[in-house]
Protein backbone atom coordinates (compact mmCIF):
# COMPACT_ATOMS: atom_id res chain seq x y z
CA GLN A 1 24.91 105.08 82.81
CA VAL A 2 21.08 104.21 81.31
CA GLN A 3 19.23 104.90 78.13
CA LEU A 4 15.96 104.26 77.93
CA VAL A 5 13.82 103.83 74.78
CA GLU A 6 10.24 103.66 74.52
CA SER A 7 8.24 102.38 71.47
CA GLY A 8 4.43 100.93 71.03
CA GLY A 9 2.60 104.16 71.00
CA ASP A 10 -0.15 104.25 68.53
CA LEU A 11 -3.53 105.83 67.87
CA VAL A 12 -6.84 103.10 69.23
CA GLN A 13 -9.94 103.60 69.53
CA PRO A 14 -11.76 103.68 73.08
CA GLY A 15 -11.85 100.37 74.29
CA GLY A 16 -9.02 98.71 72.73
CA SER A 17 -5.54 97.77 74.25
CA LEU A 18 -1.80 98.83 73.59
CA ARG A 19 1.59 97.90 75.10
CA LEU A 20 4.14 99.89 75.44
CA SER A 21 7.91 99.01 76.03
CA CYS A 22 10.77 100.45 77.13
CA ALA A 23 14.37 99.08 76.84
CA ALA A 24 17.43 99.69 78.54
CA SER A 25 20.68 99.86 77.87
CA GLY A 26 23.04 99.93 80.35
CA SER A 27 24.40 97.45 83.62
CA GLY A 28 22.44 96.96 86.74
CA PHE A 29 18.69 97.33 85.62
CA SER A 30 17.55 95.08 88.00
CA THR A 31 18.79 97.31 90.53
CA TYR A 32 16.38 100.14 89.49
CA THR A 33 12.62 101.20 90.75
CA VAL A 34 11.05 101.73 87.42
CA GLY A 35 7.89 103.89 86.27
CA TRP A 36 5.64 105.22 83.37
CA TYR A 37 4.74 108.82 83.74
CA ARG A 38 2.44 110.34 81.77
CA GLN A 39 1.73 114.13 80.10
CA ALA A 40 -1.24 115.46 78.23
CA PRO A 41 -1.10 119.03 76.64
CA GLY A 42 -1.72 121.94 79.05
CA LYS A 43 -1.19 119.71 82.20
CA GLN A 44 1.49 118.53 84.33
CA ARG A 45 2.94 115.36 84.06
CA GLU A 46 1.66 113.04 86.50
CA LEU A 47 2.98 109.06 87.86
CA VAL A 48 0.84 105.86 86.06
CA ALA A 49 2.77 103.39 87.35
CA GLN A 50 5.43 102.14 89.37
CA LEU A 51 7.62 98.92 90.19
CA THR A 52 10.64 98.32 92.38
CA ARG A 53 12.87 96.49 92.07
CA LEU A 54 11.45 94.11 95.23
CA GLY A 55 8.02 93.58 93.28
CA ASN A 56 6.45 96.81 94.55
CA MET A 57 3.64 98.16 92.44
CA TYR A 58 1.61 101.29 92.59
CA TYR A 59 -1.06 102.57 90.27
CA ALA A 60 -2.63 105.97 90.13
CA ASP A 61 -6.33 105.46 90.91
CA SER A 62 -7.47 107.04 87.35
CA VAL A 63 -5.54 103.51 85.42
CA LYS A 64 -5.96 101.20 88.51
CA ASP A 65 -7.76 97.90 86.98
CA ARG A 66 -6.78 98.72 83.57
CA PHE A 67 -3.14 99.25 83.16
CA THR A 68 -0.60 96.32 84.30
CA VAL A 69 3.50 97.41 84.59
CA SER A 70 5.73 94.69 84.39
CA ARG A 71 9.53 93.71 83.99
CA ASP A 72 11.74 91.44 82.59
CA ASN A 73 15.21 91.86 84.04
CA THR A 74 16.60 89.33 81.06
CA LYS A 75 15.64 91.74 78.57
CA ASN A 76 16.16 94.79 80.39
CA THR A 77 12.56 95.94 79.38
CA VAL A 78 9.66 97.50 80.81
CA TYR A 79 6.16 96.99 80.06
CA LEU A 80 3.11 99.06 80.26
CA GLN A 81 -0.31 96.71 79.15
CA MET A 82 -2.89 99.55 78.81
CA ASN A 83 -6.36 98.08 78.89
CA SER A 84 -9.58 99.25 78.34
CA LEU A 85 -8.40 102.72 77.03
CA LYS A 86 -10.41 105.94 77.15
CA SER A 87 -10.01 109.14 75.30
CA GLU A 88 -8.58 110.30 78.69
CA ASP A 89 -5.66 108.65 78.42
CA THR A 90 -4.63 110.40 75.42
CA ALA A 91 -0.91 111.57 76.27
CA ILE A 92 2.72 111.48 75.75
CA TYR A 93 4.41 108.56 78.20
CA TYR A 94 7.58 108.35 79.24
CA CYS A 95 9.59 105.89 81.55
CA LYS A 96 12.00 106.21 84.11
CA ALA A 97 14.42 104.53 85.75
CA TRP A 98 15.92 105.44 89.25
CA ARG A 99 18.53 103.85 91.76
CA PHE A 100 20.00 105.79 94.73
CA ALA A 101 20.89 109.31 93.41
CA ASP A 102 20.67 108.56 89.64
CA ASN A 103 17.35 108.46 87.50
CA TYR A 104 16.59 108.47 83.82
CA TRP A 105 14.13 109.63 81.17
CA GLY A 106 13.15 108.24 78.12
CA GLN A 107 12.28 110.46 75.07
CA GLY A 108 8.31 109.41 75.30
CA THR A 109 6.01 107.88 72.99
CA GLN A 110 2.86 108.93 71.86
CA VAL A 111 -0.49 107.53 72.67
CA THR A 112 -3.52 108.61 71.05
CA VAL A 113 -7.04 107.50 71.85
CA SER A 114 -9.51 108.43 69.46
CA SER A 115 -12.42 106.96 67.56
């Protein structure tokens, strides 16, 4: 059983930076694939970034070269570093952890990019 708690969402200006954190409780965190999703009002939830336990990474084209996903297995925490933020990045961001038949979601954290 894994629980994910997200934090770091805030109101930021265009061009600004923000780092989201997702703290995991439970054992075996290092064996999970982790990812970040986002959902804007009226839009479908989309995968933003993904990081497997082996270090393989995936980024959506819309965030490539601006966002960086990382994990610290010692701290059981997943991070999403967000740079050069745009108004289009405004959404609720969710973290996810997956392993075999098990998958878990965080509660989401609001990111608003506005001047």
